[in-house]
Protein backbone atom coordinates (compact mmCIF):
# COMPACT_ATOMS: atom_id res chain seq x y z
CA MET A 1 28.69 27.57 -21.60
CA ILE A 2 29.52 31.31 -21.58
CA PHE A 3 28.84 31.41 -25.32
CA ILE A 4 25.49 29.66 -24.88
CA THR A 5 24.43 32.02 -22.10
CA PHE A 6 25.34 35.01 -24.25
CA ILE A 7 23.38 33.74 -27.27
CA LYS A 8 20.30 32.99 -25.18
CA LYS A 9 20.38 36.36 -23.41
CA PHE A 10 21.05 38.20 -26.66
CA ILE A 11 18.13 36.66 -28.50
CA TYR A 12 15.60 35.97 -25.78
CA SER A 13 15.66 38.80 -23.32
CA ASN A 14 12.17 40.27 -23.31
CA SER A 15 13.36 43.69 -24.43
CA THR A 16 15.30 42.24 -27.36
CA LEU A 17 12.40 40.11 -28.55
CA MET A 18 9.98 43.01 -28.25
CA LYS A 19 12.31 45.24 -30.25
CA PHE A 20 12.65 42.48 -32.85
CA LYS A 21 8.89 42.10 -33.28
CA PHE A 22 8.41 45.85 -33.31
CA SER A 23 11.05 46.17 -36.05
CA ILE A 24 9.23 43.57 -38.13
CA PHE A 25 5.98 45.46 -37.61
CA LEU A 26 7.59 48.69 -38.80
CA LEU A 27 9.05 46.93 -41.82
CA SER A 28 5.61 45.62 -42.72
CA ILE A 29 4.17 49.14 -42.61
CA ILE A 30 7.03 50.51 -44.71
CA PHE A 31 6.56 47.85 -47.37
CA VAL A 32 2.81 48.36 -47.58
CA ALA A 33 3.13 52.14 -47.57
CA CYS A 34 5.94 52.41 -50.10
CA THR A 35 5.02 49.70 -52.61
CA GLN A 36 1.99 49.94 -54.85
CA LYS A 37 1.82 46.30 -55.88
CA PRO A 38 3.85 43.08 -55.60
CA ASN A 39 6.27 41.86 -58.26
CA ASN A 40 5.71 38.72 -60.33
CA LYS A 41 6.87 36.59 -57.37
CA GLY A 42 4.31 38.16 -55.08
CA GLU A 43 6.96 40.13 -53.20
CA TYR A 44 6.66 43.72 -52.03
CA VAL A 45 9.92 45.54 -52.73
CA ILE A 46 11.65 48.52 -51.17
CA LYS A 47 15.01 50.02 -52.06
CA PRO A 48 15.95 52.84 -49.68
CA ASN A 49 18.53 54.33 -52.07
CA GLU A 50 20.57 53.46 -55.15
CA GLN A 51 23.50 52.13 -53.10
CA SER A 52 21.49 49.88 -50.81
CA LYS A 53 20.22 46.37 -51.34
CA GLU A 54 16.59 45.67 -52.07
CA ILE A 55 14.46 44.36 -49.25
CA ARG A 56 11.63 42.07 -50.31
CA ILE A 57 8.77 40.85 -48.20
CA LYS A 58 6.23 38.22 -49.12
CA TYR A 59 2.93 37.62 -47.36
CA LYS A 60 0.94 34.43 -46.94
CA GLU A 61 -2.67 34.20 -48.09
CA ASN A 62 -3.88 34.94 -44.56
CA GLY A 63 -1.95 38.24 -44.54
CA SER A 64 0.88 37.09 -42.25
CA ILE A 65 4.50 37.47 -43.28
CA ASN A 66 6.05 34.54 -45.16
CA TYR A 67 9.62 35.82 -45.43
CA ILE A 68 11.87 38.87 -45.63
CA GLN A 69 14.89 38.70 -47.94
CA GLN A 70 17.64 41.08 -49.02
CA TYR A 71 18.45 41.12 -52.73
CA SER A 72 21.30 42.49 -54.84
CA GLU A 73 21.16 42.57 -58.64
CA ASP A 74 17.99 40.48 -58.53
CA LYS A 75 19.67 37.70 -56.54
CA PRO A 76 19.24 36.80 -52.83
CA ASP A 77 22.12 38.49 -51.00
CA GLY A 78 22.14 39.15 -47.26
CA LEU A 79 19.55 38.65 -44.55
CA PHE A 80 16.89 35.97 -44.96
CA LEU A 81 14.18 35.60 -42.33
CA ASN A 82 11.01 33.52 -42.56
CA PHE A 83 8.19 32.94 -40.11
CA HIS A 84 5.94 30.33 -38.56
CA ASN A 85 2.19 30.73 -39.08
CA ASN A 86 1.94 32.45 -35.68
CA GLN A 87 4.46 35.07 -36.89
CA ASN A 88 7.24 33.90 -34.62
CA PRO A 89 10.54 33.61 -36.51
CA ASP A 90 11.21 30.23 -38.13
CA ASN A 91 14.82 30.62 -39.23
CA LEU A 92 17.28 33.42 -39.80
CA THR A 93 20.39 33.23 -41.93
CA PHE A 94 22.51 35.21 -44.36
CA ILE A 95 22.72 34.39 -48.04
CA LYS A 96 25.81 34.83 -50.20
CA ASN A 97 26.08 33.37 -53.71
CA GLU A 98 22.71 31.72 -53.05
CA LYS A 99 24.11 29.75 -50.08
CA ASN A 100 23.80 30.07 -46.30
CA THR A 101 26.88 31.88 -45.01
CA GLY A 102 27.80 32.89 -41.47
CA THR A 103 25.53 32.48 -38.44
CA GLY A 104 22.29 30.56 -38.89
CA LEU A 105 19.49 30.33 -36.34
CA VAL A 106 16.41 28.08 -36.27
CA PHE A 107 13.49 28.73 -33.92
CA HIS A 108 10.77 26.64 -32.34
CA ASN A 109 7.15 27.54 -33.04
CA ASN A 110 6.99 29.34 -29.68
CA GLY A 111 9.75 31.73 -30.78
CA LEU A 112 12.55 30.24 -28.67
CA LEU A 113 15.83 29.12 -30.13
CA ASN A 114 15.99 25.60 -31.59
CA ASN A 115 19.60 25.56 -32.80
CA VAL A 116 22.41 27.92 -33.80
CA GLY A 117 25.66 27.45 -35.70
CA GLN A 118 27.86 28.58 -38.56
CA TYR A 119 27.71 27.96 -42.32
CA ILE A 120 30.36 28.19 -45.02
CA ASP A 121 29.14 28.08 -48.63
CA GLY A 122 25.89 26.47 -47.52
CA GLU A 123 27.57 23.78 -45.40
CA LYS A 124 27.40 23.46 -41.62
CA THR A 125 30.74 23.84 -39.87
CA GLY A 126 31.86 23.81 -36.25
CA TRP A 127 29.59 23.24 -33.27
CA PHE A 128 25.81 23.62 -33.51
CA TYR A 129 24.01 24.08 -30.20
CA VAL A 130 20.55 22.53 -29.80
CA PHE A 131 17.80 23.64 -27.38
CA ASP A 132 14.38 22.31 -26.44
CA LYS A 133 11.16 24.35 -26.48
CA ASN A 134 11.90 25.59 -22.96
CA SER A 135 15.27 27.04 -24.04
CA VAL A 136 17.24 24.28 -22.27
CA LEU A 137 20.44 23.13 -23.95
CA THR A 138 19.93 19.48 -24.91
CA GLY A 139 22.97 18.80 -27.04
CA LYS A 140 25.58 19.99 -29.49
CA ARG A 141 26.85 18.62 -32.79
CA GLU A 142 30.16 19.21 -34.48
CA TYR A 143 30.33 19.41 -38.27
CA ILE A 144 33.46 19.44 -40.38
CA ILE A 145 33.73 20.04 -44.11
CA ILE A 146 35.46 17.33 -46.11
CA ASP A 147 35.64 17.59 -49.90
CA GLY A 148 33.17 20.48 -49.73
CA LYS A 149 30.47 18.59 -47.81
CA SER A 150 29.46 18.70 -44.15
CA TYR A 151 30.06 15.60 -42.04
CA MET A 152 28.64 15.28 -38.52
CA ASN A 153 31.84 14.46 -36.70
CA GLN A 154 30.81 14.33 -33.05
CA TRP A 155 27.69 14.83 -31.00
CA ILE A 156 26.97 15.26 -27.30
CA GLN A 157 23.53 14.76 -25.76
CA TYR A 158 22.89 16.12 -22.26
CA ASP A 159 20.77 14.52 -19.54
CA HIS A 160 18.30 16.34 -17.30
CA ASN A 161 21.19 17.36 -15.03
CA GLY A 162 23.08 18.98 -17.90
CA GLU A 163 25.74 16.25 -17.95
CA PRO A 164 26.81 14.42 -21.13
CA ASP A 165 24.74 11.28 -21.74
CA LYS A 166 27.53 9.02 -22.94
CA TYR A 167 25.17 6.24 -23.98
CA SER A 168 23.59 8.40 -26.69
CA SER A 169 26.64 10.53 -27.56
CA SER A 170 29.75 10.05 -29.67
CA TYR A 171 32.78 12.25 -28.99
CA ILE A 172 36.47 12.25 -28.15
CA SER A 173 38.78 14.26 -25.91
CA LEU A 174 42.33 15.41 -26.65
CA LYS A 175 44.61 15.91 -23.65
CA PRO A 176 48.23 16.93 -24.28
CA ILE A 177 50.86 16.79 -21.56
CA LYS A 178 51.79 20.33 -22.70
CA ASP A 179 50.57 22.50 -25.58
CA THR A 180 53.95 24.21 -25.77
CA ILE A 181 57.23 22.29 -25.65
CA ASN A 182 60.90 23.09 -25.96
CA LYS A 183 62.90 21.84 -28.90
CA GLY A 184 64.18 18.34 -28.13
CA GLU A 185 61.18 17.33 -26.03
CA LYS A 186 58.64 14.78 -27.17
CA TYR A 187 55.15 16.00 -27.79
CA GLN A 188 52.64 13.69 -26.10
CA LEU A 189 48.90 13.54 -26.68
CA LYS A 190 46.27 11.35 -25.02
CA ILE A 191 43.22 10.65 -27.19
CA SER A 192 40.15 9.22 -25.46
CA LEU A 193 36.93 8.01 -27.01
CA GLU A 194 34.73 9.43 -24.27
CA ALA A 195 31.47 8.12 -25.75
CA SER A 196 31.42 5.33 -28.32
CA TYR A 197 28.79 4.93 -31.03
CA PHE A 198 29.52 1.27 -31.83
CA LYS A 199 30.82 0.39 -28.34
CA GLN A 200 33.27 -2.27 -29.51
CA TYR A 201 36.73 -1.28 -30.79
CA MET A 202 38.81 1.82 -31.45
CA ILE A 203 42.04 2.53 -33.29
CA LEU A 204 43.91 5.81 -33.78
CA ILE A 205 45.40 6.89 -37.11
CA VAL A 206 47.77 9.88 -37.23
CA GLY A 207 49.57 11.05 -40.32
CA PRO A 208 50.46 13.91 -42.68
CA PHE A 209 46.86 14.31 -43.81
CA ASP A 210 45.81 17.28 -45.91
CA GLU A 211 42.85 19.52 -45.03
CA ASN A 212 40.44 16.89 -46.41
CA PHE A 213 42.14 14.16 -44.37
CA LYS A 214 43.59 12.58 -47.49
CA LEU A 215 47.05 11.01 -47.27
CA PRO A 216 49.45 12.34 -49.92
CA GLU A 217 50.97 9.80 -52.28
CA ASN A 218 53.92 7.85 -50.83
CA LYS A 219 53.21 9.14 -47.32
CA LYS A 220 52.65 6.85 -44.36
CA CYS A 221 50.60 7.15 -41.20
CA ASP A 222 50.87 5.72 -37.68
CA THR A 223 48.18 3.29 -36.54
CA ILE A 224 47.83 2.86 -32.79
CA LYS A 225 45.58 0.33 -31.07
CA SER A 226 43.63 1.56 -28.09
CA SER A 227 43.28 0.18 -24.61
CA ASN A 228 39.85 0.81 -23.07
CA TYR A 229 39.15 3.49 -25.70
CA ILE A 230 42.38 5.36 -24.93
CA ALA A 231 45.38 5.78 -27.25
CA ASN A 232 48.60 7.69 -26.62
CA TYR A 233 50.48 9.43 -29.41
CA SER A 234 53.94 10.98 -29.18
CA THR A 235 56.30 12.52 -31.69
CA ASP A 236 59.65 14.26 -31.87
CA LYS A 237 59.20 15.17 -35.54
CA TYR A 238 58.17 18.80 -35.66
CA LYS A 239 59.32 22.28 -36.63
CA ASN A 240 59.88 25.43 -34.64
CA GLY A 241 56.70 27.43 -34.07
CA GLU A 242 53.22 26.13 -34.78
CA ASN A 243 52.66 22.46 -35.60
CA ILE A 244 49.43 20.72 -36.60
CA ILE A 245 48.49 17.11 -35.92
CA ARG A 246 45.66 15.62 -37.96
CA GLY A 247 44.23 12.27 -37.02
CA ILE A 248 41.27 9.93 -37.19
CA VAL A 249 39.72 7.95 -34.38
CA GLN A 250 38.11 4.93 -35.99
CA GLU A 251 35.31 3.13 -34.23
CA LEU A 252 34.95 -0.46 -35.41
CA LYS A 253 32.07 -2.87 -35.04
CA ARG A 254 32.16 -6.45 -36.24
CA ASN A 255 29.30 -7.12 -38.63
CA ASP A 256 26.68 -9.64 -37.61
CA THR A 257 27.89 -11.97 -40.36
CA GLY A 258 31.37 -11.95 -38.83
CA THR A 259 32.95 -11.22 -42.22
CA GLY A 260 33.90 -7.59 -41.78
CA TYR A 261 33.56 -4.36 -39.80
CA SER A 262 31.44 -1.26 -39.84
CA VAL A 263 33.56 1.87 -39.41
CA ARG A 264 32.80 5.36 -38.10
CA ASN A 265 35.45 8.08 -38.30
CA ILE A 266 35.93 10.95 -35.86
CA TYR A 267 38.38 13.47 -37.28
CA PHE A 268 40.49 15.80 -35.18
CA ILE A 269 43.05 18.56 -35.50
CA LYS A 270 45.39 19.53 -32.68
CA LYS A 271 47.90 22.40 -32.68
CA PHE A 272 51.02 22.60 -30.56
CA TYR A 273 53.97 24.94 -30.40
CA VAL A 274 57.73 24.42 -30.24
CA PHE A 275 60.19 27.04 -28.95
């Protein structure tokens, strides 16, 4: 919640927003004053010096700003910002190799934050925080990248009291007895399906998965049945220093035909230390 408060104050304090709009206004004047005519894409271009990136601005037919984009060697590279028809920001991101990279922000039509999160090579990663038009946090969604593509791993919706609405959410919790153990001790981890999507069955799979949660050839994993959406995992196989556990919580739902199951995976990574 500290992170959320910081983001909201950083973006939406009156002074910050006024400075932002004033900066855009100054940019508009600079573009109009320093560029005689648009390029073949309809963009007005400014390049402050030979070492800097180009800044391009495009206007809509009604004279309002469509977008502002940094370019390098005639390719989008850096800040990208486009606007709603009322000139409030629509979304802001950074482009690298023609893909969203780093922090991305999307705004409601009234100028308040809609959602914020991180991108790697154009793919969402980590937690994205979602707000309503009154700047109230309504939920968050976790994305992980598997085989180069984003997968929405967990999501939490909040009720009007700011508490997780477990009926419309899907997420797990990881609770170790200790994050740091002495050599010879067992490492113990409690995995709970706090909010179930299918609301029927859960199993836990833990193994020597790689970063894409693929099991190497000839390697085995542990499969643990849950009791009331809770599974306990323990191990005494580890090394000194940092250890990483990768696992999958599988939600299962029997198909209406009774001939099979629908499956939803929630992936997790947990680190622990041995001294």
